[in-house]
PDB file of N, CA and C in Angstrom:
ATOM      1  N   MET A   1     108.366 114.640  92.700  1.00  0.00           N
ATOM      2  CA  MET A   1     107.345 114.337  92.383  1.00  0.00           C
ATOM      3  C   MET A   1     107.113 112.807  93.107  1.00  0.00           C
ATOM      4  N   ASN A   2     106.168 112.991  93.654  1.00  0.00           N
ATOM      5  CA  ASN A   2     105.782 111.680  94.150  1.00  0.00           C
ATOM      6  C   ASN A   2     105.081 110.440  93.796  1.00  0.00           C
ATOM      7  N   PHE A   3     105.787 109.126  93.697  1.00  0.00           N
ATOM      8  CA  PHE A   3     105.363 107.725  93.587  1.00  0.00           C
ATOM      9  C   PHE A   3     104.431 106.981  94.297  1.00  0.00           C
ATOM     10  N   PRO A   4     103.789 106.282  94.085  1.00  0.00           N
ATOM     11  CA  PRO A   4     102.789 105.219  94.874  1.00  0.00           C
ATOM     12  C   PRO A   4     104.680 104.002  95.106  1.00  0.00           C
ATOM     13  N   LYS A   5     104.266 103.718  96.641  1.00  0.00           N
ATOM     14  CA  LYS A   5     105.233 101.877  96.863  1.00  0.00           C
ATOM     15  C   LYS A   5     104.800 101.019  95.417  1.00  0.00           C
ATOM     16  N   PHE A   6     103.947 101.076  94.724  1.00  0.00           N
ATOM     17  CA  PHE A   6     103.715 100.078  93.803  1.00  0.00           C
ATOM     18  C   PHE A   6     102.969 100.698  92.396  1.00  0.00           C
ATOM     19  N   LEU A   7     103.490 100.116  91.444  1.00  0.00           N
ATOM     20  CA  LEU A   7     102.821 100.394  89.870  1.00  0.00           C
ATOM     21  C   LEU A   7     102.316  98.866  89.285  1.00  0.00           C
ATOM     22  N   VAL A   8     101.849  98.737  88.620  1.00  0.00           N
ATOM     23  CA  VAL A   8     101.098  98.224  87.988  1.00  0.00           C
ATOM     24  C   VAL A   8     101.129  98.480  86.631  1.00  0.00           C
ATOM     25  N   ALA A   9     102.126  97.615  85.496  1.00  0.00           N
ATOM     26  CA  ALA A   9     102.222  98.010  84.457  1.00  0.00           C
ATOM     27  C   ALA A   9     102.389  96.736  83.520  1.00  0.00           C
ATOM     28  N   ASP A  10     102.306  96.811  81.852  1.00  0.00           N
ATOM     29  CA  ASP A  10     102.629  96.158  81.352  1.00  0.00           C
ATOM     30  C   ASP A  10     102.780  96.524  79.694  1.00  0.00           C
ATOM     31  N   ASN A  11     102.502  95.974  78.930  1.00  0.00           N
ATOM     32  CA  ASN A  11     103.437  96.229  77.766  1.00  0.00           C
ATOM     33  C   ASN A  11     103.077  95.294  76.454  1.00  0.00           C
ATOM     34  N   THR A  12     102.695  95.877  74.971  1.00  0.00           N
ATOM     35  CA  THR A  12     102.009  94.963  74.373  1.00  0.00           C
ATOM     36  C   THR A  12     102.620  94.397  73.490  1.00  0.00           C
ATOM     37  N   ASP A  13     104.213  94.981  74.089  1.00  0.00           N
ATOM     38  CA  ASP A  13     104.755  93.469  72.821  1.00  0.00           C
ATOM     39  C   ASP A  13     105.522  92.487  73.791  1.00  0.00           C
ATOM     40  N   LEU A  14     104.883  92.348  74.993  1.00  0.00           N
ATOM     41  CA  LEU A  14     104.690  90.897  75.882  1.00  0.00           C
ATOM     42  C   LEU A  14     103.114  90.792  76.458  1.00  0.00           C
ATOM     43  N   PRO A  15     102.373  90.912  75.781  1.00  0.00           N
ATOM     44  CA  PRO A  15     100.955  90.945  76.077  1.00  0.00           C
ATOM     45  C   PRO A  15     100.734  89.869  77.225  1.00  0.00           C
ATOM     46  N   ASP A  16     101.152  89.041  77.874  1.00  0.00           N
ATOM     47  CA  ASP A  16     100.456  87.811  78.781  1.00  0.00           C
ATOM     48  C   ASP A  16     101.289  88.286  80.181  1.00  0.00           C
ATOM     49  N   ALA A  17     102.466  89.102  80.157  1.00  0.00           N
ATOM     50  CA  ALA A  17     102.953  89.616  81.173  1.00  0.00           C
ATOM     51  C   ALA A  17     102.547  90.720  81.752  1.00  0.00           C
ATOM     52  N   ILE A  18     102.818  90.818  83.031  1.00  0.00           N
ATOM     53  CA  ILE A  18     101.971  91.993  83.675  1.00  0.00           C
ATOM     54  C   ILE A  18     103.257  92.313  85.066  1.00  0.00           C
ATOM     55  N   TYR A  19     103.330  93.717  84.987  1.00  0.00           N
ATOM     56  CA  TYR A  19     104.718  93.758  86.038  1.00  0.00           C
ATOM     57  C   TYR A  19     104.288  94.724  87.520  1.00  0.00           C
ATOM     58  N   ILE A  20     104.641  94.349  88.552  1.00  0.00           N
ATOM     59  CA  ILE A  20     104.759  95.090  89.493  1.00  0.00           C
ATOM     60  C   ILE A  20     105.595  95.632  89.839  1.00  0.00           C
ATOM     61  N   VAL A  21     106.094  97.503  89.664  1.00  0.00           N
ATOM     62  CA  VAL A  21     106.899  98.049  90.121  1.00  0.00           C
ATOM     63  C   VAL A  21     106.993  98.651  91.589  1.00  0.00           C
ATOM     64  N   HIS A  22     108.335  98.560  91.816  1.00  0.00           N
ATOM     65  CA  HIS A  22     108.790  98.505  93.354  1.00  0.00           C
ATOM     66  C   HIS A  22     109.002 100.018  93.183  1.00  0.00           C
ATOM     67  N   THR A  23     108.809 101.420  93.828  1.00  0.00           N
ATOM     68  CA  THR A  23     109.650 102.421  93.309  1.00  0.00           C
ATOM     69  C   THR A  23     110.185 102.501  94.474  1.00  0.00           C
ATOM     70  N   GLU A  24     110.369 102.123  95.769  1.00  0.00           N
ATOM     71  CA  GLU A  24     111.376 102.582  97.043  1.00  0.00           C
ATOM     72  C   GLU A  24     112.726 101.745  97.185  1.00  0.00           C
ATOM     73  N   PHE A  25     113.682 102.198  97.547  1.00  0.00           N
ATOM     74  CA  PHE A  25     114.631 100.958  97.952  1.00  0.00           C
ATOM     75  C   PHE A  25     114.526  99.858  98.359  1.00  0.00           C
ATOM     76  N   PRO A  26     114.741  98.646  97.910  1.00  0.00           N
ATOM     77  CA  PRO A  26     115.439  98.719  96.900  1.00  0.00           C
ATOM     78  C   PRO A  26     114.442  98.297  95.481  1.00  0.00           C
ATOM     79  N   SER A  27     114.530  98.832  94.950  1.00  0.00           N
ATOM     80  CA  SER A  27     113.551  99.048  93.680  1.00  0.00           C
ATOM     81  C   SER A  27     114.026  98.265  92.672  1.00  0.00           C
ATOM     82  N   PHE A  28     112.471  97.376  92.286  1.00  0.00           N
ATOM     83  CA  PHE A  28     112.693  96.179  91.145  1.00  0.00           C
ATOM     84  C   PHE A  28     111.187  95.986  90.725  1.00  0.00           C
ATOM     85  N   ILE A  29     111.472  95.514  89.654  1.00  0.00           N
ATOM     86  CA  ILE A  29     110.531  94.608  88.600  1.00  0.00           C
ATOM     87  C   ILE A  29     110.189  93.839  88.801  1.00  0.00           C
ATOM     88  N   LEU A  30     108.868  93.309  88.911  1.00  0.00           N
ATOM     89  CA  LEU A  30     108.448  91.840  89.052  1.00  0.00           C
ATOM     90  C   LEU A  30     107.631  91.344  88.141  1.00  0.00           C
ATOM     91  N   ASN A  31     107.774  90.549  87.591  1.00  0.00           N
ATOM     92  CA  ASN A  31     107.281  89.979  86.268  1.00  0.00           C
ATOM     93  C   ASN A  31     106.171  88.746  86.703  1.00  0.00           C
ATOM     94  N   LEU A  32     104.966  89.383  86.863  1.00  0.00           N
ATOM     95  CA  LEU A  32     103.686  87.951  87.433  1.00  0.00           C
ATOM     96  C   LEU A  32     103.581  87.069  86.927  1.00  0.00           C
ATOM     97  N   GLU A  33     104.187  87.089  85.470  1.00  0.00           N
ATOM     98  CA  GLU A  33     103.881  85.760  84.510  1.00  0.00           C
ATOM     99  C   GLU A  33     104.515  84.571  84.854  1.00  0.00           C
ATOM    100  N   ASN A  34     105.856  84.970  85.444  1.00  0.00           N
ATOM    101  CA  ASN A  34     107.006  83.957  85.313  1.00  0.00           C
ATOM    102  C   ASN A  34     107.509  84.064  86.890  1.00  0.00           C
ATOM    103  N   ASP A  35     107.045  85.234  87.634  1.00  0.00           N
ATOM    104  CA  ASP A  35     108.205  85.691  89.111  1.00  0.00           C
ATOM    105  C   ASP A  35     109.428  85.611  88.857  1.00  0.00           C
ATOM    106  N   GLU A  36     109.477  86.418  87.536  1.00  0.00           N
ATOM    107  CA  GLU A  36     111.320  86.641  87.759  1.00  0.00           C
ATOM    108  C   GLU A  36     111.331  88.316  88.525  1.00  0.00           C
ATOM    109  N   VAL A  37     112.043  88.496  89.018  1.00  0.00           N
ATOM    110  CA  VAL A  37     112.606  89.480  89.607  1.00  0.00           C
ATOM    111  C   VAL A  37     113.425  90.445  88.877  1.00  0.00           C
ATOM    112  N   LYS A  38     113.833  91.786  88.571  1.00  0.00           N
ATOM    113  CA  LYS A  38     114.515  92.883  88.041  1.00  0.00           C
ATOM    114  C   LYS A  38     115.123  93.574  89.276  1.00  0.00           C
ATOM    115  N   TRP A  39     116.135  93.323  89.542  1.00  0.00           N
ATOM    116  CA  TRP A  39     116.532  94.451  90.767  1.00  0.00           C
ATOM    117  C   TRP A  39     117.013  96.005  89.974  1.00  0.00           C
ATOM    118  N   MET A  40     116.135  96.696  90.645  1.00  0.00           N
ATOM    119  CA  MET A  40     117.130  98.596  90.099  1.00  0.00           C
ATOM    120  C   MET A  40     117.970  98.939  90.745  1.00  0.00           C
ATOM    121  N   ASP A  41     117.879  98.423  91.992  1.00  0.00           N
ATOM    122  CA  ASP A  41     119.368  98.703  93.025  1.00  0.00           C
ATOM    123  C   ASP A  41     120.235  98.305  93.232  1.00  0.00           C
ATOM    124  N   ASP A  42     121.763  98.525  93.319  1.00  0.00           N
ATOM    125  CA  ASP A  42     122.617  97.204  93.646  1.00  0.00           C
ATOM    126  C   ASP A  42     122.487  96.818  95.043  1.00  0.00           C
ATOM    127  N   ILE A  43     122.016  96.281  95.459  1.00  0.00           N
ATOM    128  CA  ILE A  43     121.912  95.564  96.893  1.00  0.00           C
ATOM    129  C   ILE A  43     122.919  94.939  97.234  1.00  0.00           C
ATOM    130  N   SER A  44     123.649  94.671  96.901  1.00  0.00           N
ATOM    131  CA  SER A  44     125.234  93.612  97.123  1.00  0.00           C
ATOM    132  C   SER A  44     125.912  93.642  98.615  1.00  0.00           C
ATOM    133  N   ASP A  45     125.830  95.418  98.916  1.00  0.00           N
ATOM    134  CA  ASP A  45     126.225  95.838 100.367  1.00  0.00           C
ATOM    135  C   ASP A  45     125.844  95.266 101.322  1.00  0.00           C
ATOM    136  N   GLU A  46     123.889  94.996 100.856  1.00  0.00           N
ATOM    137  CA  GLU A  46     123.346  94.931 102.216  1.00  0.00           C
ATOM    138  C   GLU A  46     123.540  93.517 103.053  1.00  0.00           C
ATOM    139  N   ASP A  47     123.317  93.180 104.253  1.00  0.00           N
ATOM    140  CA  ASP A  47     123.344  92.153 105.088  1.00  0.00           C
ATOM    141  C   ASP A  47     122.541  91.057 104.736  1.00  0.00           C
ATOM    142  N   GLU A  48     123.009  90.187 103.793  1.00  0.00           N
ATOM    143  CA  GLU A  48     122.415  89.590 103.571  1.00  0.00           C
ATOM    144  C   GLU A  48     120.844  88.379 104.241  1.00  0.00           C
ATOM    145  N   GLY A  49     121.372  88.109 105.492  1.00  0.00           N
ATOM    146  CA  GLY A  49     119.720  87.393 106.497  1.00  0.00           C
ATOM    147  C   GLY A  49     119.065  88.293 106.123  1.00  0.00           C
ATOM    148  N   ASP A  50     119.400  89.853 106.341  1.00  0.00           N
ATOM    149  CA  ASP A  50     118.410  90.818 106.679  1.00  0.00           C
ATOM    150  C   ASP A  50     117.556  91.300 105.243  1.00  0.00           C
ATOM    151  N   LEU A  51     118.578  91.190 104.343  1.00  0.00           N
ATOM    152  CA  LEU A  51     117.686  91.238 102.786  1.00  0.00           C
ATOM    153  C   LEU A  51     117.113  90.166 102.753  1.00  0.00           C
ATOM    154  N   THR A  52     117.485  89.127 102.684  1.00  0.00           N
ATOM    155  CA  THR A  52     116.426  87.974 102.306  1.00  0.00           C
ATOM    156  C   THR A  52     114.782  88.319 103.166  1.00  0.00           C
ATOM    157  N   LYS A  53     114.731  88.547 104.093  1.00  0.00           N
ATOM    158  CA  LYS A  53     113.516  88.487 105.037  1.00  0.00           C
ATOM    159  C   LYS A  53     112.882  89.665 104.415  1.00  0.00           C
ATOM    160  N   THR A  54     113.855  90.919 104.114  1.00  0.00           N
ATOM    161  CA  THR A  54     113.016  92.359 103.585  1.00  0.00           C
ATOM    162  C   THR A  54     112.791  91.721 102.005  1.00  0.00           C
ATOM    163  N   LEU A  55     113.380  91.278 101.257  1.00  0.00           N
ATOM    164  CA  LEU A  55     112.797  90.997  99.957  1.00  0.00           C
ATOM    165  C   LEU A  55     112.112  89.939  99.757  1.00  0.00           C
ATOM    166  N   GLU A  56     111.615  89.108 100.417  1.00  0.00           N
ATOM    167  CA  GLU A  56     110.670  87.944 100.343  1.00  0.00           C
ATOM    168  C   GLU A  56     109.520  89.107 101.206  1.00  0.00           C
ATOM    169  N   GLY A  57     109.266  89.722 101.733  1.00  0.00           N
ATOM    170  CA  GLY A  57     108.309  90.746 102.337  1.00  0.00           C
ATOM    171  C   GLY A  57     107.648  91.374 101.534  1.00  0.00           C
ATOM    172  N   LEU A  58     108.811  92.380 100.525  1.00  0.00           N
ATOM    173  CA  LEU A  58     108.270  93.250  99.578  1.00  0.00           C
ATOM    174  C   LEU A  58     107.684  92.397  98.216  1.00  0.00           C
ATOM    175  N   ILE A  59     108.369  91.071  97.664  1.00  0.00           N
ATOM    176  CA  ILE A  59     107.672  90.476  96.635  1.00  0.00           C
ATOM    177  C   ILE A  59     106.269  89.916  97.267  1.00  0.00           C
ATOM    178  N   ASP A  60     105.981  89.760  98.383  1.00  0.00           N
ATOM    179  CA  ASP A  60     105.114  89.085  98.829  1.00  0.00           C
ATOM    180  C   ASP A  60     103.833  90.424  99.007  1.00  0.00           C
ATOM    181  N   GLU A  61     104.613  91.520  99.550  1.00  0.00           N
ATOM    182  CA  GLU A  61     103.467  92.769  99.116  1.00  0.00           C
ATOM    183  C   GLU A  61     102.710  93.241  97.667  1.00  0.00           C
ATOM    184  N   ALA A  62     103.905  93.299  97.234  1.00  0.00           N
ATOM    185  CA  ALA A  62     103.833  93.346  95.420  1.00  0.00           C
ATOM    186  C   ALA A  62     103.118  92.612  95.196  1.00  0.00           C
ATOM    187  N   GLU A  63     102.666  91.270  95.314  1.00  0.00           N
ATOM    188  CA  GLU A  63     101.597  90.682  95.176  1.00  0.00           C
ATOM    189  C   GLU A  63     100.247  90.888  95.998  1.00  0.00           C
ATOM    190  N   ALA A  64     100.698  91.145  96.805  1.00  0.00           N
ATOM    191  CA  ALA A  64      99.102  91.333  98.054  1.00  0.00           C
ATOM    192  C   ALA A  64      98.366  92.567  97.042  1.00  0.00           C
ATOM    193  N   PHE A  65      99.540  93.785  96.247  1.00  0.00           N
ATOM    194  CA  PHE A  65      98.987  95.170  96.219  1.00  0.00           C
ATOM    195  C   PHE A  65      98.638  94.526  94.885  1.00  0.00           C
ATOM    196  N   TYR A  66      99.051  93.719  93.502  1.00  0.00           N
ATOM    197  CA  TYR A  66      98.293  93.101  92.458  1.00  0.00           C
ATOM    198  C   TYR A  66      97.039  92.642  92.920  1.00  0.00           C
ATOM    199  N   ILE A  67      96.553  92.066  93.404  1.00  0.00           N
ATOM    200  CA  ILE A  67      95.516  91.278  93.743  1.00  0.00           C
ATOM    201  C   ILE A  67      94.538  92.264  94.137  1.00  0.00           C
ATOM    202  N   ARG A  68      94.984  93.165  95.598  1.00  0.00           N
ATOM    203  CA  ARG A  68      94.356  94.298  95.907  1.00  0.00           C
ATOM    204  C   ARG A  68      93.434  95.467  94.677  1.00  0.00           C
ATOM    205  N   GLU A  69      94.624  95.934  93.785  1.00  0.00           N
ATOM    206  CA  GLU A  69      94.273  96.670  92.669  1.00  0.00           C
ATOM    207  C   GLU A  69      93.625  95.315  91.534  1.00  0.00           C
ATOM    208  N   VAL A  70      93.579  94.072  91.210  1.00  0.00           N
ATOM    209  CA  VAL A  70      92.499  93.553  90.504  1.00  0.00           C
ATOM    210  C   VAL A  70      91.406  93.593  90.614  1.00  0.00           C
ATOM    211  N   ASP A  71      91.061  93.176  92.376  1.00  0.00           N
ATOM    212  CA  ASP A  71      89.800  93.435  92.960  1.00  0.00           C
ATOM    213  C   ASP A  71      88.918  94.306  92.714  1.00  0.00           C
ATOM    214  N   ARG A  72      89.386  95.493  92.855  1.00  0.00           N
ATOM    215  CA  ARG A  72      89.237  97.112  92.447  1.00  0.00           C
ATOM    216  C   ARG A  72      88.919  97.308  90.890  1.00  0.00           C
ATOM    217  N   TYR A  73      89.453  96.661  90.330  1.00  0.00           N
ATOM    218  CA  TYR A  73      89.148  96.782  89.289  1.00  0.00           C
ATOM    219  C   TYR A  73      87.375  96.114  88.811  1.00  0.00           C
ATOM    220  N   ASN A  74      87.653  94.874  89.394  1.00  0.00           N
ATOM    221  CA  ASN A  74      86.087  93.461  89.541  1.00  0.00           C
ATOM    222  C   ASN A  74      85.125  94.089  90.015  1.00  0.00           C
ATOM    223  N   ILE A  75      85.122  95.469  90.310  1.00  0.00           N
ATOM    224  CA  ILE A  75      83.787  95.735  91.562  1.00  0.00           C
ATOM    225  C   ILE A  75      82.728  96.494  90.569  1.00  0.00           C
TER     226      ILE A  75
END
């Protein structure tokens, strides 16, 4: 089964939180309410310098994805 790179998620138990799920390595869930990130993959063996740049880029991509999705709903 193929999944998109990013998914939007929510949960009625936490009605103010919106999550972006990154489905590729390194997979993570970003809580847009408080910018908390839950890493789903073990990233401890990666080179720290490269990893920091990669992770910052992925979080920026996740936020841009969410803005794009919201804009599409508001058309």
